[in-house]
Amino acid sequence: MNQQFSIPTALCLPVPDIEALIQGRTIVALPKMFIRPGQRFALYPADSSASIKAWAKCELCQILDETKPLEILSKLTIWTPKVLKEILQKQQYLFLAYLRVYQLPQLQEISVNPKIQEKLGKFVSLPNSLTVSEVNPVMTDRTFTQRKRQLEKLEPSLHPELEELQSAIASLTISQPAAKQLDDDIKVFLGWSSDKLIKQPAPNLAWINNIVKLGDRSIELDEGKNNYQAGTDFEIIARRSLDFLGFKVEENYKGGAGGLDLFCSQPYPLVCECKAGKSIPDRAVEELDRIGKRHLKENYLQAVRLIIGPGKPTKNLKESAEISKISIINVMTLQKLVEFKAKYPGAINLVELQQYLEPGQVDYKIGEYIDKAEREIKLRSHIIQLVKNYLENSGIESAGVESLHGAYFGSNPPQPIKTPEMHEILIELSSPLTGYLGRIKGSDWKSDRFYFLRDLPIN
């Protein structure tokens, strides 16, 4: 059970400084006096809102003077060199308090102190003591320790460009959902947040649950819908699905009488016929061949050909598809692909998927592809957890591939891998585009060292 603490005081800080601490953009504050390590206090915003969101425990307090490299200190905190110099001119020393911050389960409204600006950087008494616990830390113990060490040693940031990008988009996060998602992702990658990047599908992806409903009319709720409308609705959601998977769907080839249902130009040509109903009619192959050749001419034979529809294909339909080199998948298979993409945005490789689109009914082949991709994700998640546990148990900051490979076989591994293969995966996971691990490059691949940044959760 988490221990509870009673906090009678608060440190008054500028609102931007408190927000930066809560967001994980910094781990330090600039009080106007020395704070004893171990001291706990609320974070009081110096504005008229008088609502407390978080409390902090001081882990260290340094006294710095003008001999310290302010340029580097500035890059590791939220203050410009000019601001740091101005503080030094006023009070001769900088008091740099390292704060372990915890969010409160709910805002604590308190009466406004009319002289709060005079208390900036100082402690104030709270009208009523707060009862708090260490349930909701802004960042993990390991991340805080890494950030604390980096700041103590004044080591330059590993990702200055990403930090600049995060600062640039921070003001857009309130009004722009896409900016907020990018902001959250960058903060997780930088270690400023312990939130998980991979989440359950967002509410704006609820349409995915309708793919099967609109394609398979044996379970269609709207029985009063005519066949043309049902076909159009399924074509629209199939178009959206292929676009979501990463295909470039060309608008010039929209369906309708005599038209192609779907044509994708990238990453390879793909012609698609969509059939809503209770089963796919046997004539579907001949229809796709006829309409595809009319619109695409000789390019039709170079394209991947696909029919998506409900039910189980008849023997005649499967034979016709194999002769015409057309793949058939069930609407449920399309929905599974899209669900997998929503769960793991980077997991589907369309070029690799093409190898599974063989002539005939290929639902089982697509199932094999999804299983293979899921195994690869589970392996990577296992290796990330291995690095995390190995470093925590051994008390070291980074580890080489041979040590990690040795530990791998004692970790109930999902599959056997050789040392070079493990190194390739570690390199992949430490890419700036993935950011699950960090890498310290050595003189050769065996001397590379790796450290943990964030988890890859799997459900």
Protein backbone atom coordinates (compact mmCIF):
# COMPACT_ATOMS: atom_id res chain seq x y z
CA MET A 1 0.00 0.00 0.00
CA ASN A 2 1.31 3.46 -0.88
CA GLN A 3 2.36 5.56 2.08
CA GLN A 4 0.50 8.85 2.53
CA PHE A 5 2.03 12.17 3.54
CA SER A 6 0.57 15.37 4.94
CA ILE A 7 1.84 18.51 3.20
CA PRO A 8 1.27 21.88 4.95
CA THR A 9 3.32 24.10 2.60
CA ALA A 10 3.71 24.92 -1.09
CA LEU A 11 6.49 26.31 -3.23
CA CYS A 12 5.26 29.26 -5.28
CA LEU A 13 6.49 29.08 -8.88
CA PRO A 14 5.57 30.69 -12.23
CA VAL A 15 2.77 28.84 -14.04
CA PRO A 16 4.99 27.90 -17.06
CA ASP A 17 7.56 26.36 -14.70
CA ILE A 18 4.92 24.20 -12.98
CA GLU A 19 3.45 23.10 -16.31
CA ALA A 20 6.93 22.14 -17.54
CA LEU A 21 7.48 20.06 -14.39
CA ILE A 22 4.11 18.31 -14.76
CA GLN A 23 4.70 17.66 -18.47
CA GLY A 24 8.17 16.26 -17.76
CA ARG A 25 9.91 18.94 -19.83
CA THR A 26 12.13 19.74 -16.86
CA ILE A 27 12.96 18.17 -13.49
CA VAL A 28 14.27 21.33 -11.80
CA ALA A 29 12.92 24.58 -10.32
CA LEU A 30 14.64 27.83 -9.38
CA PRO A 31 13.62 28.69 -5.81
CA LYS A 32 15.07 31.76 -4.09
CA MET A 33 16.61 29.74 -1.28
CA PHE A 34 18.15 26.34 -0.58
CA ILE A 35 15.65 23.48 -0.25
CA ARG A 36 16.51 20.57 1.98
CA PRO A 37 16.61 17.20 0.11
CA GLY A 38 13.70 15.02 1.18
CA GLN A 39 11.37 17.99 1.76
CA ARG A 40 7.83 17.59 0.34
CA PHE A 41 5.57 20.44 -0.78
CA ALA A 42 2.78 21.37 -3.16
CA LEU A 43 3.45 23.39 -6.33
CA TYR A 44 1.56 26.70 -6.04
CA PRO A 45 0.99 28.63 -9.32
CA ALA A 46 1.77 32.34 -9.15
CA ASP A 47 -1.42 33.47 -10.87
CA SER A 48 -5.05 34.10 -10.02
CA SER A 49 -6.20 30.51 -10.67
CA ALA A 50 -5.06 29.21 -7.26
CA SER A 51 -5.51 25.58 -8.19
CA ILE A 52 -2.85 23.03 -7.28
CA LYS A 53 -2.26 20.15 -9.71
CA ALA A 54 0.85 18.48 -8.29
CA TRP A 55 3.25 18.10 -5.40
CA ALA A 56 6.99 17.46 -5.33
CA LYS A 57 9.78 15.98 -3.29
CA CYS A 58 13.19 17.64 -3.44
CA GLU A 59 15.88 15.10 -4.38
CA LEU A 60 18.84 17.49 -4.58
CA CYS A 61 19.52 21.21 -4.39
CA GLN A 62 22.61 22.68 -6.04
CA ILE A 63 24.04 26.15 -5.50
CA LEU A 64 25.51 27.40 -8.77
CA ASP A 65 27.38 30.58 -9.63
CA GLU A 66 28.36 32.34 -12.86
CA THR A 67 31.33 29.99 -13.44
CA LYS A 68 28.92 27.23 -14.50
CA PRO A 69 28.33 26.83 -18.27
CA LEU A 70 24.97 28.58 -18.51
CA GLU A 71 24.58 27.74 -22.22
CA ILE A 72 24.53 24.01 -21.48
CA LEU A 73 22.36 24.49 -18.38
CA SER A 74 19.90 26.44 -20.50
CA LYS A 75 19.63 23.62 -23.07
CA LEU A 76 18.91 21.10 -20.31
CA THR A 77 16.24 23.25 -18.63
CA ILE A 78 13.47 25.62 -19.71
CA TRP A 79 15.28 28.93 -19.11
CA THR A 80 17.27 30.96 -21.64
CA PRO A 81 20.87 31.98 -20.83
CA LYS A 82 19.63 35.58 -20.54
CA VAL A 83 17.11 34.67 -17.82
CA LEU A 84 19.73 32.68 -15.89
CA LYS A 85 22.18 35.62 -16.07
CA GLU A 86 19.52 38.05 -14.86
CA ILE A 87 18.81 35.85 -11.82
CA LEU A 88 22.51 35.63 -11.04
CA GLN A 89 22.82 39.43 -11.19
CA LYS A 90 19.98 39.81 -8.67
CA GLN A 91 20.88 37.10 -6.14
CA GLN A 92 24.48 36.06 -6.93
CA TYR A 93 23.66 32.34 -6.85
CA LEU A 94 21.27 29.96 -8.62
CA PHE A 95 19.46 27.51 -6.37
CA LEU A 96 18.73 24.54 -8.63
CA ALA A 97 16.20 22.21 -6.97
CA TYR A 98 15.77 18.74 -8.48
CA LEU A 99 12.11 17.83 -7.97
CA ARG A 100 10.42 14.46 -8.19
CA VAL A 101 6.91 15.51 -9.20
CA TYR A 102 3.63 13.68 -8.56
CA GLN A 103 0.26 14.65 -9.99
CA LEU A 104 -2.72 14.96 -7.64
CA PRO A 105 -5.74 12.76 -8.44
CA GLN A 106 -7.82 15.95 -8.73
CA LEU A 107 -7.28 19.70 -8.68
CA GLN A 108 -7.13 21.31 -5.24
CA GLU A 109 -8.78 24.72 -5.29
CA ILE A 110 -7.49 27.12 -2.63
CA SER A 111 -8.18 30.73 -1.76
CA VAL A 112 -6.15 33.26 -3.71
CA ASN A 113 -3.22 34.86 -1.88
CA PRO A 114 -3.28 38.58 -2.83
CA LYS A 115 0.48 38.88 -2.25
CA ILE A 116 1.39 35.73 -4.20
CA GLN A 117 3.75 37.54 -6.60
CA GLU A 118 5.88 38.58 -3.62
CA LYS A 119 6.17 34.93 -2.65
CA LEU A 120 7.56 33.78 -6.03
CA GLY A 121 10.31 31.22 -5.46
CA LYS A 122 9.44 30.95 -1.76
CA PHE A 123 7.29 28.75 0.46
CA VAL A 124 3.75 29.63 1.51
CA SER A 125 1.49 27.95 4.04
CA LEU A 126 -1.55 26.15 2.71
CA PRO A 127 -4.97 26.96 4.23
CA ASN A 128 -5.43 23.21 4.76
CA SER A 129 -2.78 20.50 4.60
CA LEU A 130 -2.88 18.19 1.59
CA THR A 131 -2.80 14.40 2.03
CA VAL A 132 -0.79 12.93 -0.84
CA SER A 133 0.89 9.71 -1.95
CA GLU A 134 3.46 8.67 -4.56
CA VAL A 135 0.85 6.94 -6.72
CA ASN A 136 1.10 9.08 -9.85
CA PRO A 137 4.70 10.13 -10.64
CA VAL A 138 5.24 12.26 -13.74
CA MET A 139 8.08 9.96 -14.82
CA THR A 140 9.52 6.58 -13.86
CA ASP A 141 12.32 6.18 -11.33
CA ARG A 142 14.74 5.17 -14.06
CA THR A 143 13.89 8.09 -16.36
CA PHE A 144 14.20 10.58 -13.50
CA THR A 145 17.57 9.12 -12.50
CA GLN A 146 18.85 9.41 -16.09
CA ARG A 147 17.67 13.01 -16.39
CA LYS A 148 19.13 13.89 -12.96
CA ARG A 149 22.52 12.43 -13.86
CA GLN A 150 22.57 14.24 -17.20
CA LEU A 151 21.82 17.57 -15.51
CA GLU A 152 24.28 17.05 -12.65
CA LYS A 153 27.07 16.32 -15.13
CA LEU A 154 25.81 19.00 -17.56
CA GLU A 155 25.86 16.48 -20.39
CA PRO A 156 24.43 17.91 -23.66
CA SER A 157 20.98 16.73 -24.77
CA LEU A 158 20.92 13.60 -26.94
CA HIS A 159 18.06 14.94 -29.08
CA PRO A 160 18.20 18.77 -29.24
CA GLU A 161 16.25 18.94 -32.53
CA LEU A 162 13.33 16.97 -31.09
CA GLU A 163 13.30 19.18 -27.99
CA GLU A 164 13.14 22.27 -30.20
CA LEU A 165 10.30 20.72 -32.21
CA GLN A 166 8.39 19.92 -29.02
CA SER A 167 8.76 23.52 -27.81
CA ALA A 168 7.58 24.80 -31.19
CA ILE A 169 4.35 22.74 -31.22
CA ALA A 170 3.53 23.01 -27.50
CA SER A 171 1.25 26.03 -28.04
CA LEU A 172 -0.76 24.17 -30.72
CA THR A 173 -1.73 21.18 -28.58
CA ILE A 174 -4.91 22.70 -27.17
CA SER A 175 -6.56 23.38 -30.52
CA GLN A 176 -4.91 20.80 -32.79
CA PRO A 177 -5.45 17.09 -31.96
CA ALA A 178 -2.73 16.03 -34.42
CA ALA A 179 -0.24 18.38 -32.77
CA LYS A 180 -1.14 16.97 -29.36
CA GLN A 181 -0.56 13.40 -30.56
CA LEU A 182 2.85 14.38 -31.98
CA ASP A 183 3.64 16.28 -28.78
CA ASP A 184 2.74 13.25 -26.66
CA ASP A 185 4.82 10.93 -28.85
CA ILE A 186 7.88 13.21 -28.70
CA LYS A 187 7.61 13.52 -24.91
CA VAL A 188 7.42 9.74 -24.50
CA PHE A 189 10.42 9.30 -26.80
CA LEU A 190 12.46 11.93 -24.91
CA GLY A 191 11.53 10.34 -21.58
CA TRP A 192 9.50 13.36 -20.45
CA SER A 193 6.39 11.24 -20.05
CA SER A 194 5.76 7.66 -19.02
CA ASP A 195 2.55 7.39 -21.08
CA LYS A 196 2.38 4.54 -23.56
CA LEU A 197 2.58 5.39 -27.25
CA ILE A 198 0.50 2.43 -28.37
CA LYS A 199 -3.03 2.81 -27.09
CA GLN A 200 -6.36 1.22 -27.75
CA PRO A 201 -7.90 2.50 -30.97
CA ALA A 202 -9.09 6.08 -30.52
CA PRO A 203 -12.78 7.03 -30.77
CA ASN A 204 -12.16 8.40 -34.28
CA LEU A 205 -11.33 4.82 -35.35
CA ALA A 206 -14.71 3.43 -34.32
CA TRP A 207 -15.59 3.08 -38.03
CA ILE A 208 -13.32 0.02 -38.15
CA ASN A 209 -15.96 -1.98 -36.27
CA ASN A 210 -18.40 -1.40 -39.15
CA ILE A 211 -16.37 -3.08 -41.91
CA VAL A 212 -17.90 -6.51 -41.41
CA LYS A 213 -21.35 -5.06 -40.65
CA LEU A 214 -21.44 -3.21 -43.98
CA GLY A 215 -19.95 -6.04 -46.04
CA ASP A 216 -21.81 -9.05 -44.70
CA ARG A 217 -25.53 -8.47 -45.14
CA SER A 218 -26.38 -11.64 -43.26
CA ILE A 219 -25.55 -9.62 -40.13
CA GLU A 220 -26.49 -6.21 -41.55
CA LEU A 221 -28.72 -4.36 -39.09
CA ASP A 222 -30.43 -2.20 -41.70
CA GLU A 223 -32.41 -4.85 -43.55
CA GLY A 224 -34.42 -2.16 -45.34
CA LYS A 225 -31.37 -0.94 -47.27
CA ASN A 226 -31.43 -1.70 -51.00
CA ASN A 227 -28.63 -3.66 -52.68
CA TYR A 228 -27.19 -0.62 -54.47
CA GLN A 229 -26.93 1.42 -51.27
CA ALA A 230 -25.45 -1.53 -49.38
CA GLY A 231 -22.83 -1.97 -52.11
CA THR A 232 -21.98 1.73 -52.09
CA ASP A 233 -21.63 1.83 -48.30
CA PHE A 234 -19.28 -1.15 -48.32
CA GLU A 235 -17.24 0.27 -51.20
CA ILE A 236 -16.79 3.53 -49.24
CA ILE A 237 -15.58 1.76 -46.08
CA ALA A 238 -13.34 -0.58 -48.13
CA ARG A 239 -11.80 2.51 -49.77
CA ARG A 240 -11.23 4.02 -46.35
CA SER A 241 -9.72 0.76 -45.12
CA LEU A 242 -7.18 0.47 -47.95
CA ASP A 243 -6.23 4.10 -47.52
CA PHE A 244 -5.78 3.53 -43.75
CA LEU A 245 -3.55 0.52 -44.45
CA GLY A 246 -1.26 2.76 -46.50
CA PHE A 247 -2.36 2.24 -50.10
CA LYS A 248 -2.71 5.28 -52.34
CA VAL A 249 -6.32 5.01 -53.54
CA GLU A 250 -6.90 6.84 -56.83
CA GLU A 251 -10.10 8.89 -56.92
CA ASN A 252 -10.40 8.74 -60.73
CA TYR A 253 -11.53 5.11 -60.63
CA LYS A 254 -14.63 5.32 -58.48
CA GLY A 255 -17.25 2.59 -58.73
CA GLY A 256 -20.73 2.73 -60.15
CA ALA A 257 -22.11 1.00 -63.21
CA GLY A 258 -19.21 -0.10 -65.40
CA GLY A 259 -16.57 1.42 -63.15
CA LEU A 260 -13.76 -0.06 -61.09
CA ASP A 261 -14.63 -0.19 -57.42
CA LEU A 262 -11.10 0.62 -56.25
CA PHE A 263 -7.72 1.16 -57.84
CA CYS A 264 -4.57 1.75 -55.78
CA SER A 265 -1.41 3.02 -57.46
CA GLN A 266 1.07 2.78 -54.56
CA PRO A 267 3.09 0.97 -53.26
CA TYR A 268 2.05 -1.28 -56.14
CA PRO A 269 -0.95 -1.35 -58.51
CA LEU A 270 -3.94 -3.05 -56.89
CA VAL A 271 -7.40 -3.49 -58.43
CA CYS A 272 -10.20 -4.29 -56.02
CA GLU A 273 -13.79 -5.43 -56.43
CA CYS A 274 -16.03 -4.98 -53.37
CA LYS A 275 -19.05 -7.26 -52.91
CA ALA A 276 -21.57 -6.60 -50.14
CA GLY A 277 -24.27 -9.19 -49.53
CA LYS A 278 -24.51 -12.67 -48.03
CA SER A 279 -21.94 -14.24 -50.35
CA ILE A 280 -19.71 -13.38 -53.30
CA PRO A 281 -21.43 -14.21 -56.63
CA ASP A 282 -19.59 -16.61 -58.96
CA ARG A 283 -19.55 -13.96 -61.71
CA ALA A 284 -17.35 -11.62 -59.60
CA VAL A 285 -14.10 -12.87 -61.20
CA GLU A 286 -15.38 -12.37 -64.76
CA GLU A 287 -16.69 -8.90 -63.82
CA LEU A 288 -13.35 -7.81 -62.39
CA ASP A 289 -11.45 -9.15 -65.41
CA ARG A 290 -13.77 -7.41 -67.87
CA ILE A 291 -13.96 -4.03 -66.10
CA GLY A 292 -10.28 -4.04 -65.11
CA LYS A 293 -9.06 -4.66 -68.68
CA ARG A 294 -11.41 -1.99 -70.03
CA HIS A 295 -10.09 0.69 -67.69
CA LEU A 296 -6.43 -0.28 -67.24
CA LYS A 297 -5.71 -1.97 -70.59
CA GLU A 298 -2.41 -3.91 -70.51
CA ASN A 299 -1.62 -2.54 -67.02
CA TYR A 300 -4.40 -4.72 -65.58
CA LEU A 301 -2.36 -7.91 -65.85
CA GLN A 302 0.55 -6.32 -63.96
CA ALA A 303 -1.68 -5.29 -61.04
CA VAL A 304 -2.55 -7.28 -57.94
CA ARG A 305 -6.23 -8.26 -58.27
CA LEU A 306 -8.40 -8.60 -55.21
CA ILE A 307 -12.04 -9.37 -54.41
CA ILE A 308 -13.36 -8.55 -50.91
CA GLY A 309 -16.72 -9.92 -49.86
CA PRO A 310 -18.74 -11.94 -47.34
CA GLY A 311 -19.40 -15.62 -46.91
CA LYS A 312 -17.47 -18.66 -48.11
CA PRO A 313 -16.50 -18.70 -51.81
CA THR A 314 -18.01 -21.51 -53.88
CA LYS A 315 -15.78 -24.11 -55.52
CA ASN A 316 -16.42 -22.53 -58.95
CA LEU A 317 -15.49 -19.07 -57.66
CA LYS A 318 -12.22 -20.30 -56.13
CA GLU A 319 -11.26 -22.14 -59.34
CA SER A 320 -12.05 -19.09 -61.48
CA ALA A 321 -9.97 -16.87 -59.13
CA GLU A 322 -7.00 -19.22 -59.33
CA ILE A 323 -7.15 -19.30 -63.14
CA SER A 324 -7.40 -15.48 -63.38
CA LYS A 325 -4.78 -15.02 -60.61
CA ILE A 326 -7.23 -13.08 -58.41
CA SER A 327 -7.08 -13.13 -54.60
CA ILE A 328 -10.25 -13.39 -52.51
CA ILE A 329 -10.52 -12.30 -48.88
CA ASN A 330 -13.47 -12.18 -46.50
CA VAL A 331 -14.69 -8.88 -45.06
CA MET A 332 -13.61 -10.13 -41.61
CA THR A 333 -10.04 -10.51 -42.88
CA LEU A 334 -10.06 -6.89 -44.07
CA GLN A 335 -11.31 -5.76 -40.67
CA LYS A 336 -8.60 -7.80 -38.89
CA LEU A 337 -5.90 -6.14 -41.02
CA VAL A 338 -7.25 -2.68 -40.24
CA GLU A 339 -7.60 -3.49 -36.53
CA PHE A 340 -3.99 -4.68 -36.45
CA LYS A 341 -2.84 -1.48 -38.16
CA ALA A 342 -4.79 0.61 -35.61
CA LYS A 343 -3.23 -1.28 -32.72
CA TYR A 344 0.35 -1.19 -34.08
CA PRO A 345 0.57 1.68 -36.61
CA GLY A 346 3.92 0.65 -38.10
CA ALA A 347 3.43 -3.11 -38.11
CA ILE A 348 1.99 -3.73 -41.59
CA ASN A 349 4.45 -3.78 -44.48
CA LEU A 350 2.36 -3.62 -47.66
CA VAL A 351 5.21 -4.83 -49.87
CA GLU A 352 5.61 -7.88 -47.66
CA LEU A 353 1.83 -8.33 -47.55
CA GLN A 354 1.81 -8.59 -51.36
CA GLN A 355 3.60 -11.95 -51.13
CA TYR A 356 0.57 -13.35 -49.26
CA LEU A 357 -1.96 -12.20 -51.89
CA GLU A 358 -1.82 -15.41 -53.89
CA PRO A 359 -4.49 -16.53 -56.41
CA GLY A 360 -7.61 -18.01 -54.84
CA GLN A 361 -9.02 -17.69 -51.34
CA VAL A 362 -6.22 -16.33 -49.10
CA ASP A 363 -7.82 -15.57 -45.73
CA TYR A 364 -5.58 -18.16 -44.06
CA LYS A 365 -2.50 -16.60 -45.76
CA ILE A 366 -3.39 -13.12 -44.44
CA GLY A 367 -3.91 -14.72 -41.05
CA GLU A 368 -0.38 -16.16 -41.31
CA TYR A 369 0.97 -12.70 -42.14
CA ILE A 370 -0.77 -11.08 -39.13
CA ASP A 371 0.49 -13.88 -36.85
CA LYS A 372 4.03 -13.43 -38.16
CA ALA A 373 3.90 -9.65 -37.65
CA GLU A 374 2.52 -10.13 -34.14
CA ARG A 375 5.34 -12.57 -33.27
CA GLU A 376 7.89 -10.00 -34.43
CA ILE A 377 6.28 -7.35 -32.22
CA LYS A 378 6.20 -9.70 -29.21
CA LEU A 379 9.88 -10.53 -29.75
CA ARG A 380 10.77 -6.83 -29.79
CA SER A 381 8.65 -6.13 -26.73
CA HIS A 382 10.43 -8.99 -24.95
CA ILE A 383 13.88 -7.64 -25.87
CA ILE A 384 12.97 -4.13 -24.69
CA GLN A 385 11.82 -5.56 -21.35
CA LEU A 386 14.99 -7.66 -21.21
CA VAL A 387 17.20 -4.56 -21.57
CA LYS A 388 15.16 -2.74 -18.92
CA ASN A 389 15.33 -5.61 -16.40
CA TYR A 390 18.99 -6.44 -17.09
CA LEU A 391 20.10 -2.86 -16.41
CA GLU A 392 17.94 -2.52 -13.29
CA ASN A 393 19.14 -5.84 -11.84
CA SER A 394 22.81 -5.25 -12.62
CA GLY A 395 22.81 -1.56 -11.61
CA ILE A 396 24.59 -0.45 -14.79
CA GLU A 397 23.58 2.28 -17.26
CA SER A 398 24.03 0.42 -20.57
CA ALA A 399 24.89 -3.06 -21.83
CA GLY A 400 26.57 -4.69 -24.83
CA VAL A 401 24.89 -7.07 -27.23
CA GLU A 402 26.77 -10.17 -26.05
CA SER A 403 25.76 -9.63 -22.41
CA LEU A 404 22.16 -9.03 -23.45
CA HIS A 405 22.22 -12.10 -25.71
CA GLY A 406 23.43 -14.20 -22.79
CA ALA A 407 20.65 -12.86 -20.59
CA TYR A 408 18.10 -13.47 -23.36
CA PHE A 409 18.30 -17.26 -23.04
CA GLY A 410 17.55 -17.11 -19.35
CA SER A 411 14.50 -14.90 -19.87
CA ASN A 412 11.99 -17.46 -21.17
CA PRO A 413 12.47 -16.15 -24.73
CA PRO A 414 9.67 -16.41 -27.32
CA GLN A 415 12.10 -17.83 -29.91
CA PRO A 416 15.84 -18.55 -30.33
CA ILE A 417 17.93 -15.85 -32.04
CA LYS A 418 21.63 -15.50 -32.77
CA THR A 419 23.79 -12.61 -31.54
CA PRO A 420 24.00 -10.76 -34.91
CA GLU A 421 20.22 -11.01 -35.33
CA MET A 422 19.71 -9.62 -31.84
CA HIS A 423 22.07 -6.75 -32.64
CA GLU A 424 20.01 -5.92 -35.75
CA ILE A 425 16.84 -5.77 -33.63
CA LEU A 426 18.56 -3.62 -30.99
CA ILE A 427 19.66 -1.20 -33.73
CA GLU A 428 16.09 -1.08 -35.07
CA LEU A 429 14.66 -0.40 -31.59
CA SER A 430 17.19 2.38 -30.95
CA SER A 431 16.40 4.24 -34.17
CA PRO A 432 15.15 7.82 -33.62
CA LEU A 433 11.98 6.79 -35.47
CA THR A 434 11.18 4.08 -32.92
CA GLY A 435 12.92 5.29 -29.77
CA TYR A 436 12.35 2.31 -27.50
CA LEU A 437 16.06 1.97 -26.68
CA GLY A 438 19.06 4.28 -26.77
CA ARG A 439 22.38 3.36 -28.34
CA ILE A 440 25.98 4.35 -27.55
CA LYS A 441 27.87 3.59 -30.74
CA GLY A 442 31.07 1.59 -30.34
CA SER A 443 34.05 0.99 -32.62
CA ASP A 444 32.33 -2.09 -34.06
CA TRP A 445 28.95 -3.78 -33.67
CA LYS A 446 30.08 -5.91 -30.74
CA SER A 447 31.08 -2.82 -28.74
CA ASP A 448 27.76 -0.98 -29.23
CA ARG A 449 25.95 -0.41 -25.93
CA PHE A 450 22.21 -0.02 -25.38
CA TYR A 451 19.97 1.44 -22.70
CA PHE A 452 16.21 1.53 -22.01
CA LEU A 453 13.96 4.45 -23.00
CA ARG A 454 10.34 3.26 -23.04
CA ASP A 455 8.16 0.15 -23.08
CA LEU A 456 6.42 -1.46 -26.06
CA PRO A 457 3.18 -2.69 -24.50
CA ILE A 458 1.30 -5.55 -26.13
CA ASN A 459 -2.24 -6.66 -25.31
